[in-house]
């Protein structure tokens, strides 16, 4: 079983019916009334939260806030430890150096050229509304930073599966074709520069060039 689901199952076994009722009360406004009433167990409630992406393995801040409110500091401590350990292990699940370099260049172009449509773009990439709202709250008056942090959140969430191709697809899906064109141009320049650098630092290629000119 997924470690995060195992953790949630562990929490459920230690939450009382009274605490479950408190959690459901706190979630009014975030989950529809019918769904809340239908959730007769902690497991069902957590399933709804996962289904609606209100909590995920990488974004469990809502769950942390809920547990704090019902004074379950013991569970909060376990959740924080889980998140901390997850961040350490996630370092092995990141794009390779070349892909990260391309993504950084793409982020720069996107942040400079995408304005008020940025939320549409990050939604297209699959970022949850909860994550978007939290980022906006953390950087309320800085649109550039909101977009940049959203892109970073997407990169962290996807790990090795984060690809520049997905950024380009999302841009074109939002009809931000001009921005996609600029990104592609920037990436072509980067790739050309990388090839030239490798060529200059490869003695064998120099010898082959000399032979070809003779």
N, C-alpha and C. Protein backbone atom coordinates (compact mmCIF):
# COMPACT_ATOMS: atom_id res chain seq x y z
N UNK A 1 0.85 -1.21 0.00
CA UNK A 1 0.00 0.00 0.00
C UNK A 1 0.88 1.25 0.00
N UNK A 2 0.38 2.32 -0.63
CA UNK A 2 1.09 3.59 -0.64
C UNK A 2 1.33 4.05 0.81
N UNK A 3 2.58 4.49 1.11
CA UNK A 3 2.90 4.90 2.50
C UNK A 3 1.97 5.97 3.05
N UNK A 4 1.53 6.90 2.19
CA UNK A 4 0.64 7.97 2.65
C UNK A 4 -0.72 7.39 3.03
N UNK A 5 -1.21 6.44 2.22
CA UNK A 5 -2.50 5.81 2.54
C UNK A 5 -2.39 5.00 3.83
N UNK A 6 -1.23 4.38 4.04
CA UNK A 6 -0.98 3.62 5.28
C UNK A 6 -1.04 4.56 6.48
N UNK A 7 -0.45 5.75 6.32
CA UNK A 7 -0.46 6.75 7.40
C UNK A 7 -1.90 7.18 7.70
N UNK A 8 -2.68 7.45 6.67
CA UNK A 8 -4.06 7.87 6.85
C UNK A 8 -4.87 6.77 7.54
N UNK A 9 -4.62 5.53 7.14
CA UNK A 9 -5.32 4.39 7.77
C UNK A 9 -4.97 4.31 9.25
N UNK A 10 -3.71 4.58 9.56
CA UNK A 10 -3.27 4.59 10.96
C UNK A 10 -3.98 5.68 11.75
N UNK A 11 -4.13 6.86 11.14
CA UNK A 11 -4.84 7.96 11.80
C UNK A 11 -6.29 7.56 12.09
N UNK A 12 -6.91 6.94 11.10
CA UNK A 12 -8.32 6.56 11.23
C UNK A 12 -8.55 5.62 12.42
N UNK A 13 -7.59 4.72 12.63
CA UNK A 13 -7.74 3.75 13.72
C UNK A 13 -7.64 4.41 15.09
N UNK A 14 -7.15 5.66 15.11
CA UNK A 14 -6.96 6.34 16.39
C UNK A 14 -7.86 7.57 16.58
N UNK A 15 -8.71 7.82 15.61
CA UNK A 15 -9.64 8.96 15.72
C UNK A 15 -11.00 8.46 16.20
N UNK A 16 -11.56 9.15 17.17
CA UNK A 16 -12.86 8.75 17.72
C UNK A 16 -13.99 9.26 16.83
N UNK A 17 -15.21 8.78 17.10
CA UNK A 17 -16.38 9.23 16.34
C UNK A 17 -16.62 10.72 16.58
N UNK A 18 -16.35 11.16 17.80
CA UNK A 18 -16.51 12.59 18.11
C UNK A 18 -15.55 13.44 17.29
N UNK A 19 -14.31 12.95 17.17
CA UNK A 19 -13.31 13.68 16.38
C UNK A 19 -13.67 13.65 14.89
N UNK A 20 -14.24 12.54 14.44
CA UNK A 20 -14.69 12.45 13.05
C UNK A 20 -15.78 13.50 12.78
N UNK A 21 -16.70 13.62 13.72
CA UNK A 21 -17.77 14.63 13.59
C UNK A 21 -17.18 16.04 13.54
N UNK A 22 -16.15 16.27 14.35
CA UNK A 22 -15.50 17.58 14.36
C UNK A 22 -14.83 17.87 13.01
N UNK A 23 -14.18 16.85 12.45
CA UNK A 23 -13.52 17.01 11.15
C UNK A 23 -14.55 17.34 10.07
N UNK A 24 -15.68 16.63 10.09
CA UNK A 24 -16.73 16.87 9.10
C UNK A 24 -17.29 18.29 9.25
N UNK A 25 -17.44 18.74 10.49
CA UNK A 25 -17.92 20.11 10.74
C UNK A 25 -16.95 21.14 10.17
N UNK A 26 -15.64 20.90 10.37
CA UNK A 26 -14.62 21.82 9.88
C UNK A 26 -14.53 21.86 8.35
N UNK A 27 -14.97 20.79 7.72
CA UNK A 27 -14.86 20.69 6.26
C UNK A 27 -16.09 21.20 5.52
N UNK A 28 -17.06 21.72 6.27
CA UNK A 28 -18.21 22.34 5.60
C UNK A 28 -17.72 23.50 4.75
N UNK A 29 -18.21 23.60 3.55
CA UNK A 29 -17.77 24.67 2.65
C UNK A 29 -16.68 24.19 1.71
N UNK A 30 -15.96 23.14 2.11
CA UNK A 30 -14.94 22.57 1.22
C UNK A 30 -15.46 21.31 0.52
N UNK A 31 -16.36 20.60 1.21
CA UNK A 31 -16.96 19.39 0.66
C UNK A 31 -18.47 19.56 0.68
N UNK A 32 -19.13 19.08 -0.36
CA UNK A 32 -20.58 19.20 -0.45
C UNK A 32 -21.30 18.51 0.71
N UNK A 33 -22.45 19.04 1.07
CA UNK A 33 -23.20 18.55 2.24
C UNK A 33 -23.54 17.07 2.10
N UNK A 34 -23.98 16.65 0.90
CA UNK A 34 -24.36 15.25 0.69
C UNK A 34 -23.18 14.31 0.90
N UNK A 35 -22.03 14.70 0.36
CA UNK A 35 -20.84 13.84 0.50
C UNK A 35 -20.41 13.75 1.96
N UNK A 36 -20.49 14.87 2.66
CA UNK A 36 -20.11 14.87 4.07
C UNK A 36 -21.02 13.94 4.88
N UNK A 37 -22.32 14.03 4.60
CA UNK A 37 -23.28 13.20 5.33
C UNK A 37 -23.09 11.72 5.00
N UNK A 38 -22.67 11.45 3.74
CA UNK A 38 -22.49 10.06 3.31
C UNK A 38 -21.24 9.42 3.92
N UNK A 39 -20.29 10.26 4.33
CA UNK A 39 -19.05 9.74 4.92
C UNK A 39 -19.31 9.29 6.35
N UNK A 40 -19.47 7.98 6.54
CA UNK A 40 -19.80 7.44 7.85
C UNK A 40 -18.57 6.98 8.64
N UNK A 41 -17.42 7.04 7.99
CA UNK A 41 -16.19 6.62 8.67
C UNK A 41 -15.07 7.58 8.30
N UNK A 42 -14.01 7.54 9.09
CA UNK A 42 -12.84 8.38 8.82
C UNK A 42 -12.22 8.02 7.47
N UNK A 43 -12.21 6.72 7.15
CA UNK A 43 -11.65 6.26 5.87
C UNK A 43 -12.40 6.85 4.69
N UNK A 44 -13.73 6.89 4.79
CA UNK A 44 -14.55 7.45 3.72
C UNK A 44 -14.31 8.95 3.58
N UNK A 45 -14.14 9.62 4.72
CA UNK A 45 -13.88 11.06 4.70
C UNK A 45 -12.53 11.35 4.03
N UNK A 46 -11.51 10.59 4.40
CA UNK A 46 -10.18 10.79 3.80
C UNK A 46 -10.21 10.47 2.31
N UNK A 47 -11.02 9.47 1.92
CA UNK A 47 -11.13 9.12 0.51
C UNK A 47 -11.68 10.29 -0.31
N UNK A 48 -12.65 10.99 0.29
CA UNK A 48 -13.23 12.17 -0.39
C UNK A 48 -12.17 13.26 -0.52
N UNK A 49 -11.42 13.48 0.56
CA UNK A 49 -10.36 14.50 0.54
C UNK A 49 -9.31 14.18 -0.53
N UNK A 50 -8.96 12.91 -0.65
CA UNK A 50 -7.99 12.50 -1.67
C UNK A 50 -8.57 12.63 -3.07
N UNK A 51 -9.81 12.22 -3.22
CA UNK A 51 -10.49 12.27 -4.53
C UNK A 51 -10.57 13.70 -5.05
N UNK A 52 -10.84 14.65 -4.15
CA UNK A 52 -10.97 16.05 -4.54
C UNK A 52 -9.64 16.80 -4.48
N UNK A 53 -8.56 16.06 -4.21
CA UNK A 53 -7.21 16.62 -4.13
C UNK A 53 -7.09 17.72 -3.07
N UNK A 54 -7.91 17.61 -2.04
CA UNK A 54 -7.81 18.54 -0.92
C UNK A 54 -6.61 18.18 -0.05
N UNK A 55 -6.25 16.89 -0.09
CA UNK A 55 -4.99 16.46 0.51
C UNK A 55 -4.30 15.53 -0.49
N UNK A 56 -2.99 15.62 -0.57
CA UNK A 56 -2.19 14.72 -1.39
C UNK A 56 -0.91 14.40 -0.61
N UNK A 57 -0.15 13.47 -1.12
CA UNK A 57 1.11 13.11 -0.47
C UNK A 57 2.02 14.34 -0.36
N UNK A 58 1.99 15.22 -1.39
CA UNK A 58 2.88 16.39 -1.43
C UNK A 58 2.25 17.64 -0.83
N UNK A 59 0.95 17.60 -0.55
CA UNK A 59 0.28 18.79 -0.02
C UNK A 59 -0.73 18.35 1.03
N UNK A 60 -0.23 18.21 2.25
CA UNK A 60 -1.08 17.73 3.35
C UNK A 60 -1.33 18.83 4.39
N UNK A 61 -1.14 20.08 3.99
CA UNK A 61 -1.29 21.19 4.95
C UNK A 61 -2.72 21.30 5.48
N UNK A 62 -3.72 21.00 4.65
CA UNK A 62 -5.10 21.06 5.13
C UNK A 62 -5.32 20.03 6.24
N UNK A 63 -4.80 18.83 6.02
CA UNK A 63 -4.92 17.78 7.03
C UNK A 63 -4.22 18.19 8.32
N UNK A 64 -3.06 18.81 8.19
CA UNK A 64 -2.33 19.28 9.37
C UNK A 64 -3.16 20.30 10.14
N UNK A 65 -3.77 21.25 9.43
CA UNK A 65 -4.60 22.28 10.07
C UNK A 65 -5.80 21.64 10.78
N UNK A 66 -6.42 20.64 10.14
CA UNK A 66 -7.58 19.98 10.73
C UNK A 66 -7.21 19.26 12.03
N UNK A 67 -6.09 18.55 11.98
CA UNK A 67 -5.65 17.81 13.17
C UNK A 67 -5.26 18.74 14.31
N UNK A 68 -4.66 19.89 13.95
CA UNK A 68 -4.32 20.88 14.98
C UNK A 68 -5.58 21.40 15.65
N UNK A 69 -6.60 21.66 14.84
CA UNK A 69 -7.84 22.24 15.37
C UNK A 69 -8.54 21.31 16.34
N UNK A 70 -8.46 20.00 16.10
CA UNK A 70 -9.11 19.06 17.03
C UNK A 70 -8.13 18.57 18.12
N UNK A 71 -7.01 19.31 18.21
CA UNK A 71 -6.02 19.07 19.29
C UNK A 71 -5.39 17.67 19.27
N UNK A 72 -5.13 17.16 18.05
CA UNK A 72 -4.42 15.90 17.94
C UNK A 72 -2.97 16.18 17.53
N UNK A 73 -2.23 16.79 18.47
CA UNK A 73 -0.84 17.16 18.20
C UNK A 73 0.05 15.94 17.95
N UNK A 74 -0.35 14.78 18.51
CA UNK A 74 0.42 13.57 18.28
C UNK A 74 0.38 13.16 16.80
N UNK A 75 -0.80 13.30 16.19
CA UNK A 75 -0.95 12.96 14.77
C UNK A 75 -0.28 14.01 13.89
N UNK A 76 -0.34 15.26 14.33
CA UNK A 76 0.33 16.34 13.59
C UNK A 76 1.83 16.07 13.52
N UNK A 77 2.40 15.64 14.64
CA UNK A 77 3.84 15.35 14.70
C UNK A 77 4.20 14.22 13.74
N UNK A 78 3.35 13.18 13.68
CA UNK A 78 3.59 12.06 12.77
C UNK A 78 3.50 12.51 11.31
N UNK A 79 2.53 13.37 11.03
CA UNK A 79 2.35 13.86 9.67
C UNK A 79 3.55 14.70 9.23
N UNK A 80 4.01 15.57 10.11
CA UNK A 80 5.18 16.41 9.80
C UNK A 80 6.42 15.56 9.55
N UNK A 81 6.58 14.51 10.35
CA UNK A 81 7.73 13.61 10.17
C UNK A 81 7.65 12.90 8.82
N UNK A 82 6.44 12.48 8.46
CA UNK A 82 6.23 11.80 7.18
C UNK A 82 6.59 12.73 6.02
N UNK A 83 6.12 13.98 6.09
CA UNK A 83 6.39 14.97 5.04
C UNK A 83 7.89 15.24 4.94
N UNK A 84 8.54 15.37 6.09
CA UNK A 84 9.97 15.64 6.12
C UNK A 84 10.76 14.51 5.48
N UNK A 85 10.43 13.28 5.83
CA UNK A 85 11.11 12.12 5.26
C UNK A 85 10.82 11.99 3.78
N UNK A 86 9.59 12.37 3.38
CA UNK A 86 9.21 12.31 1.97
C UNK A 86 10.02 13.28 1.13
N UNK A 87 10.30 14.48 1.70
CA UNK A 87 11.08 15.48 0.97
C UNK A 87 12.51 15.00 0.77
N UNK A 88 13.05 14.30 1.75
CA UNK A 88 14.42 13.78 1.63
C UNK A 88 14.50 12.72 0.54
N UNK A 89 13.56 11.76 0.59
CA UNK A 89 13.58 10.68 -0.40
C UNK A 89 13.22 11.18 -1.79
N UNK A 90 12.46 12.29 -1.87
CA UNK A 90 12.05 12.82 -3.17
C UNK A 90 13.21 13.38 -3.97
N UNK A 91 14.35 13.63 -3.31
CA UNK A 91 15.50 14.18 -4.03
C UNK A 91 16.00 13.21 -5.10
N UNK A 92 15.72 11.90 -4.92
CA UNK A 92 16.11 10.90 -5.91
C UNK A 92 15.09 10.80 -7.04
N UNK A 93 13.97 11.46 -6.84
CA UNK A 93 12.90 11.37 -7.83
C UNK A 93 12.74 12.70 -8.56
N UNK A 94 13.85 13.27 -8.98
CA UNK A 94 13.83 14.55 -9.67
C UNK A 94 14.31 14.39 -11.11
N UNK A 95 13.92 15.32 -12.00
CA UNK A 95 14.40 15.25 -13.39
C UNK A 95 15.93 15.31 -13.42
N UNK A 96 16.53 14.75 -14.49
CA UNK A 96 17.99 14.80 -14.59
C UNK A 96 18.47 16.24 -14.79
N UNK A 97 19.76 16.46 -14.70
CA UNK A 97 20.33 17.81 -14.73
C UNK A 97 19.95 18.55 -16.00
N UNK A 98 20.03 17.87 -17.14
CA UNK A 98 19.71 18.52 -18.42
C UNK A 98 18.25 18.93 -18.48
N UNK A 99 17.37 18.02 -18.06
CA UNK A 99 15.93 18.31 -18.09
C UNK A 99 15.60 19.46 -17.15
N UNK A 100 16.24 19.47 -15.95
CA UNK A 100 15.99 20.57 -15.00
C UNK A 100 16.43 21.90 -15.58
N UNK A 101 17.56 21.88 -16.31
CA UNK A 101 18.07 23.11 -16.93
C UNK A 101 17.08 23.64 -17.98
N UNK A 102 16.53 22.73 -18.75
CA UNK A 102 15.53 23.12 -19.75
C UNK A 102 14.27 23.66 -19.07
N UNK A 103 13.86 23.00 -17.99
CA UNK A 103 12.66 23.45 -17.28
C UNK A 103 12.86 24.83 -16.65
N UNK A 104 14.05 25.07 -16.11
CA UNK A 104 14.35 26.38 -15.51
C UNK A 104 14.25 27.49 -16.56
N UNK A 105 14.77 27.20 -17.75
CA UNK A 105 14.71 28.18 -18.85
C UNK A 105 13.25 28.40 -19.26
N UNK A 106 12.48 27.31 -19.32
CA UNK A 106 11.06 27.42 -19.69
C UNK A 106 10.29 28.20 -18.63
N UNK A 107 10.58 27.94 -17.34
CA UNK A 107 9.91 28.67 -16.26
C UNK A 107 10.15 30.17 -16.41
N UNK A 108 11.39 30.53 -16.72
CA UNK A 108 11.75 31.94 -16.84
C UNK A 108 10.93 32.62 -17.93
N UNK A 109 10.83 31.96 -19.08
CA UNK A 109 10.06 32.51 -20.20
C UNK A 109 8.58 32.61 -19.84
N UNK A 110 8.06 31.55 -19.24
CA UNK A 110 6.64 31.51 -18.89
C UNK A 110 6.29 32.61 -17.89
N UNK A 111 7.13 32.77 -16.87
CA UNK A 111 6.87 33.79 -15.85
C UNK A 111 6.94 35.21 -16.42
N UNK A 112 7.76 35.40 -17.44
CA UNK A 112 7.89 36.73 -18.05
C UNK A 112 6.75 37.04 -19.02
N UNK A 113 6.13 35.99 -19.57
CA UNK A 113 5.18 36.21 -20.66
C UNK A 113 3.74 35.81 -20.39
N UNK A 114 3.50 35.04 -19.32
CA UNK A 114 2.12 34.66 -19.00
C UNK A 114 1.62 35.55 -17.88
N UNK A 115 0.52 36.22 -18.13
CA UNK A 115 -0.01 37.14 -17.13
C UNK A 115 -1.19 36.57 -16.38
N UNK A 116 -2.36 37.18 -16.56
CA UNK A 116 -3.54 36.82 -15.79
C UNK A 116 -4.06 35.40 -16.07
N UNK A 117 -3.56 34.78 -17.15
CA UNK A 117 -4.02 33.43 -17.50
C UNK A 117 -3.23 32.33 -16.80
N UNK A 118 -2.38 32.70 -15.84
CA UNK A 118 -1.49 31.70 -15.26
C UNK A 118 -2.21 30.57 -14.53
N UNK A 119 -3.35 30.88 -13.91
CA UNK A 119 -4.07 29.83 -13.18
C UNK A 119 -4.61 28.78 -14.15
N UNK A 120 -5.07 29.23 -15.31
CA UNK A 120 -5.56 28.31 -16.33
C UNK A 120 -4.43 27.35 -16.75
N UNK A 121 -3.22 27.90 -16.87
CA UNK A 121 -2.07 27.10 -17.27
C UNK A 121 -1.73 26.03 -16.22
N UNK A 122 -1.63 26.43 -14.96
CA UNK A 122 -1.22 25.45 -13.93
C UNK A 122 -2.33 24.44 -13.66
N UNK A 123 -3.59 24.83 -13.88
CA UNK A 123 -4.67 23.85 -13.78
C UNK A 123 -4.52 22.81 -14.89
N UNK A 124 -4.15 23.28 -16.08
CA UNK A 124 -3.94 22.37 -17.21
C UNK A 124 -2.82 21.39 -16.90
N UNK A 125 -1.84 21.83 -16.11
CA UNK A 125 -0.73 20.96 -15.71
C UNK A 125 -1.16 19.97 -14.62
N UNK A 126 -2.33 20.20 -14.02
CA UNK A 126 -2.86 19.27 -13.04
C UNK A 126 -2.72 19.69 -11.59
N UNK A 127 -2.25 20.93 -11.36
CA UNK A 127 -2.09 21.39 -9.98
C UNK A 127 -3.46 21.59 -9.34
N UNK A 128 -3.60 21.17 -8.09
CA UNK A 128 -4.90 21.23 -7.41
C UNK A 128 -5.25 22.66 -7.00
N UNK A 129 -6.55 22.91 -6.85
CA UNK A 129 -7.03 24.23 -6.43
C UNK A 129 -6.51 24.58 -5.04
N UNK A 130 -6.41 23.56 -4.18
CA UNK A 130 -5.92 23.80 -2.82
C UNK A 130 -4.49 24.33 -2.86
N UNK A 131 -3.66 23.71 -3.69
CA UNK A 131 -2.27 24.12 -3.81
C UNK A 131 -2.18 25.53 -4.40
N UNK A 132 -2.97 25.80 -5.42
CA UNK A 132 -2.97 27.13 -6.06
C UNK A 132 -3.37 28.20 -5.05
N UNK A 133 -4.45 27.94 -4.31
CA UNK A 133 -4.94 28.91 -3.32
C UNK A 133 -3.90 29.17 -2.24
N UNK A 134 -3.19 28.10 -1.81
CA UNK A 134 -2.18 28.27 -0.76
C UNK A 134 -1.02 29.13 -1.27
N UNK A 135 -0.62 28.91 -2.51
CA UNK A 135 0.48 29.69 -3.09
C UNK A 135 0.08 31.16 -3.23
N UNK A 136 -1.15 31.40 -3.65
CA UNK A 136 -1.65 32.78 -3.77
C UNK A 136 -1.65 33.45 -2.40
N UNK A 137 -2.08 32.71 -1.37
CA UNK A 137 -2.13 33.26 -0.01
C UNK A 137 -0.72 33.59 0.51
N UNK A 138 0.26 32.78 0.10
CA UNK A 138 1.64 33.00 0.56
C UNK A 138 2.31 34.17 -0.16
N UNK A 139 1.83 34.47 -1.39
CA UNK A 139 2.42 35.58 -2.18
C UNK A 139 1.29 36.43 -2.76
N UNK A 140 0.52 37.08 -1.89
CA UNK A 140 -0.73 37.74 -2.32
C UNK A 140 -0.58 38.87 -3.33
N UNK A 141 0.54 39.55 -3.35
CA UNK A 141 0.67 40.72 -4.23
C UNK A 141 1.76 40.56 -5.29
N UNK A 142 2.16 39.33 -5.53
CA UNK A 142 3.25 39.09 -6.48
C UNK A 142 2.85 38.00 -7.47
N UNK A 143 2.27 38.42 -8.59
CA UNK A 143 1.77 37.48 -9.59
C UNK A 143 2.90 36.63 -10.16
N UNK A 144 4.05 37.26 -10.39
CA UNK A 144 5.21 36.55 -10.94
C UNK A 144 5.62 35.40 -10.01
N UNK A 145 5.66 35.67 -8.70
CA UNK A 145 6.07 34.66 -7.73
C UNK A 145 5.00 33.56 -7.60
N UNK A 146 3.74 33.96 -7.71
CA UNK A 146 2.65 32.97 -7.65
C UNK A 146 2.81 31.95 -8.76
N UNK A 147 3.08 32.43 -9.96
CA UNK A 147 3.25 31.54 -11.11
C UNK A 147 4.51 30.69 -10.96
N UNK A 148 5.61 31.32 -10.55
CA UNK A 148 6.87 30.59 -10.41
C UNK A 148 6.75 29.47 -9.37
N UNK A 149 6.17 29.79 -8.22
CA UNK A 149 6.03 28.79 -7.17
C UNK A 149 5.06 27.68 -7.58
N UNK A 150 4.07 28.01 -8.40
CA UNK A 150 3.15 27.00 -8.92
C UNK A 150 3.87 26.04 -9.85
N UNK A 151 4.74 26.58 -10.69
CA UNK A 151 5.53 25.75 -11.61
C UNK A 151 6.49 24.85 -10.83
N UNK A 152 7.09 25.42 -9.78
CA UNK A 152 8.00 24.63 -8.94
C UNK A 152 7.23 23.51 -8.23
N UNK A 153 6.00 23.83 -7.79
CA UNK A 153 5.17 22.83 -7.12
C UNK A 153 4.83 21.69 -8.09
N UNK A 154 4.54 22.05 -9.35
CA UNK A 154 4.28 21.04 -10.38
C UNK A 154 5.50 20.16 -10.60
N UNK A 155 6.68 20.80 -10.67
CA UNK A 155 7.93 20.07 -10.89
C UNK A 155 8.19 19.08 -9.74
N UNK A 156 7.97 19.53 -8.52
CA UNK A 156 8.18 18.68 -7.36
C UNK A 156 7.17 17.54 -7.33
N UNK A 157 5.93 17.85 -7.65
CA UNK A 157 4.85 16.86 -7.64
C UNK A 157 5.11 15.75 -8.68
N UNK A 158 5.52 16.14 -9.88
CA UNK A 158 5.72 15.18 -10.96
C UNK A 158 7.04 14.43 -10.85
N UNK A 159 8.06 15.03 -10.20
CA UNK A 159 9.34 14.37 -10.04
C UNK A 159 10.00 14.07 -11.38
N UNK A 160 10.44 12.82 -11.54
CA UNK A 160 11.11 12.42 -12.78
C UNK A 160 10.19 12.49 -14.00
N UNK A 161 8.88 12.50 -13.75
CA UNK A 161 7.92 12.55 -14.86
C UNK A 161 7.66 13.97 -15.35
N UNK A 162 8.27 14.97 -14.70
CA UNK A 162 8.12 16.36 -15.16
C UNK A 162 8.92 16.55 -16.44
N UNK A 163 8.26 16.94 -17.50
CA UNK A 163 8.91 17.11 -18.80
C UNK A 163 8.58 18.48 -19.39
N UNK A 164 9.56 19.07 -20.07
CA UNK A 164 9.32 20.34 -20.75
C UNK A 164 8.22 20.18 -21.78
N UNK A 165 8.15 18.99 -22.39
CA UNK A 165 7.12 18.72 -23.39
C UNK A 165 5.72 18.93 -22.81
N UNK A 166 5.55 18.60 -21.51
CA UNK A 166 4.25 18.79 -20.86
C UNK A 166 3.92 20.28 -20.68
N UNK A 167 4.96 21.07 -20.41
CA UNK A 167 4.77 22.53 -20.30
C UNK A 167 4.31 23.10 -21.64
N UNK A 168 4.96 22.66 -22.71
CA UNK A 168 4.61 23.15 -24.05
C UNK A 168 3.19 22.72 -24.43
N UNK A 169 2.85 21.48 -24.10
CA UNK A 169 1.51 20.98 -24.40
C UNK A 169 0.45 21.78 -23.64
N UNK A 170 0.73 22.09 -22.37
CA UNK A 170 -0.21 22.86 -21.56
C UNK A 170 -0.36 24.28 -22.09
N UNK A 171 0.75 24.89 -22.49
CA UNK A 171 0.70 26.24 -23.06
C UNK A 171 -0.17 26.27 -24.31
N UNK A 172 0.04 25.31 -25.19
CA UNK A 172 -0.74 25.27 -26.44
C UNK A 172 -2.20 24.91 -26.15
N UNK A 173 -2.41 24.09 -25.10
CA UNK A 173 -3.78 23.74 -24.70
C UNK A 173 -4.55 24.94 -24.19
N UNK A 174 -3.81 25.93 -23.66
CA UNK A 174 -4.42 27.17 -23.18
C UNK A 174 -4.39 28.27 -24.26
N UNK A 175 -4.00 27.88 -25.46
CA UNK A 175 -3.88 28.80 -26.60
C UNK A 175 -2.85 29.90 -26.37
N UNK A 176 -1.85 29.56 -25.57
CA UNK A 176 -0.75 30.50 -25.34
C UNK A 176 0.39 30.11 -26.29
N UNK A 177 0.04 30.10 -27.58
CA UNK A 177 0.97 29.60 -28.60
C UNK A 177 2.21 30.47 -28.75
N UNK A 178 2.06 31.76 -28.60
CA UNK A 178 3.22 32.66 -28.73
C UNK A 178 4.24 32.36 -27.64
N UNK A 179 3.75 32.17 -26.42
CA UNK A 179 4.65 31.84 -25.30
C UNK A 179 5.33 30.49 -25.55
N UNK A 180 4.57 29.53 -26.06
CA UNK A 180 5.13 28.21 -26.37
C UNK A 180 6.23 28.34 -27.42
N UNK A 181 6.01 29.20 -28.42
CA UNK A 181 7.02 29.41 -29.47
C UNK A 181 8.30 30.00 -28.88
N UNK A 182 8.15 30.95 -27.96
CA UNK A 182 9.32 31.59 -27.33
C UNK A 182 10.08 30.56 -26.49
N UNK A 183 9.33 29.71 -25.77
CA UNK A 183 9.97 28.66 -24.97
C UNK A 183 10.78 27.73 -25.88
N UNK A 184 10.17 27.30 -26.99
CA UNK A 184 10.85 26.39 -27.91
C UNK A 184 12.12 27.02 -28.48
N UNK A 185 12.04 28.31 -28.79
CA UNK A 185 13.21 29.03 -29.32
C UNK A 185 14.32 29.07 -28.27
N UNK A 186 13.94 29.35 -27.02
CA UNK A 186 14.92 29.42 -25.92
C UNK A 186 15.58 28.05 -25.71
N UNK A 187 14.77 27.00 -25.76
CA UNK A 187 15.29 25.65 -25.55
C UNK A 187 16.23 25.23 -26.69
N UNK A 188 15.90 25.64 -27.91
CA UNK A 188 16.76 25.33 -29.05
C UNK A 188 18.12 25.99 -28.89
N UNK A 189 18.11 27.23 -28.39
CA UNK A 189 19.37 27.95 -28.15
C UNK A 189 20.20 27.24 -27.07
N UNK A 190 19.51 26.76 -26.03
CA UNK A 190 20.20 26.04 -24.95
C UNK A 190 20.82 24.75 -25.46
N UNK A 191 20.05 24.01 -26.25
CA UNK A 191 20.55 22.74 -26.79
C UNK A 191 21.73 22.97 -27.72
N UNK A 192 21.64 24.04 -28.51
CA UNK A 192 22.74 24.36 -29.43
C UNK A 192 23.99 24.72 -28.64
N UNK A 193 23.81 25.48 -27.56
CA UNK A 193 24.95 25.88 -26.72
C UNK A 193 25.58 24.68 -26.03
N UNK A 194 24.73 23.73 -25.59
CA UNK A 194 25.23 22.51 -24.94
C UNK A 194 26.05 21.67 -25.92
N UNK A 195 25.54 21.54 -27.15
CA UNK A 195 26.24 20.75 -28.16
C UNK A 195 27.59 21.36 -28.49
N UNK A 196 27.63 22.69 -28.60
CA UNK A 196 28.88 23.39 -28.91
C UNK A 196 29.88 23.20 -27.77
N UNK A 197 29.41 23.31 -26.51
CA UNK A 197 30.28 23.16 -25.35
C UNK A 197 30.87 21.74 -25.30
N UNK A 198 30.04 20.74 -25.58
CA UNK A 198 30.52 19.36 -25.58
C UNK A 198 31.53 19.14 -26.69
N UNK A 199 31.30 19.76 -27.83
CA UNK A 199 32.19 19.63 -28.98
C UNK A 199 33.56 20.24 -28.67
N UNK A 200 33.54 21.42 -28.05
CA UNK A 200 34.79 22.11 -27.72
C UNK A 200 35.59 21.36 -26.66
N UNK A 201 34.90 20.61 -25.80
CA UNK A 201 35.59 19.90 -24.72
C UNK A 201 35.87 18.44 -25.04
N UNK A 202 35.68 18.07 -26.32
CA UNK A 202 35.93 16.70 -26.75
C UNK A 202 37.09 16.68 -27.72
N UNK A 203 38.30 16.33 -27.29
CA UNK A 203 39.49 16.34 -28.15
C UNK A 203 39.31 15.46 -29.38
N UNK A 204 38.59 14.37 -29.25
CA UNK A 204 38.40 13.45 -30.37
C UNK A 204 37.69 14.14 -31.52
N UNK A 205 36.67 14.98 -31.16
CA UNK A 205 35.91 15.66 -32.21
C UNK A 205 36.77 16.65 -32.95
N UNK A 206 37.74 17.29 -32.26
CA UNK A 206 38.63 18.23 -32.91
C UNK A 206 39.49 17.51 -33.94
N UNK A 207 40.01 16.32 -33.58
CA UNK A 207 40.87 15.57 -34.48
C UNK A 207 40.10 15.12 -35.71
N UNK A 208 38.82 14.72 -35.48
CA UNK A 208 38.00 14.29 -36.61
C UNK A 208 37.74 15.46 -37.55
N UNK A 209 37.54 16.67 -36.97
CA UNK A 209 37.31 17.87 -37.79
C UNK A 209 38.55 18.16 -38.63
N UNK A 210 39.73 18.01 -37.99
CA UNK A 210 40.98 18.31 -38.71
C UNK A 210 41.17 17.34 -39.86
N UNK A 211 40.83 16.06 -39.64
CA UNK A 211 40.97 15.07 -40.71
C UNK A 211 40.03 15.39 -41.87
N UNK A 212 38.81 15.83 -41.50
CA UNK A 212 37.80 16.08 -42.54
C UNK A 212 38.17 17.27 -43.41
N UNK A 213 38.99 18.21 -42.87
CA UNK A 213 39.36 19.39 -43.65
C UNK A 213 40.58 19.14 -44.52
N UNK A 214 41.29 18.02 -44.27
CA UNK A 214 42.49 17.70 -45.06
C UNK A 214 42.11 17.03 -46.37
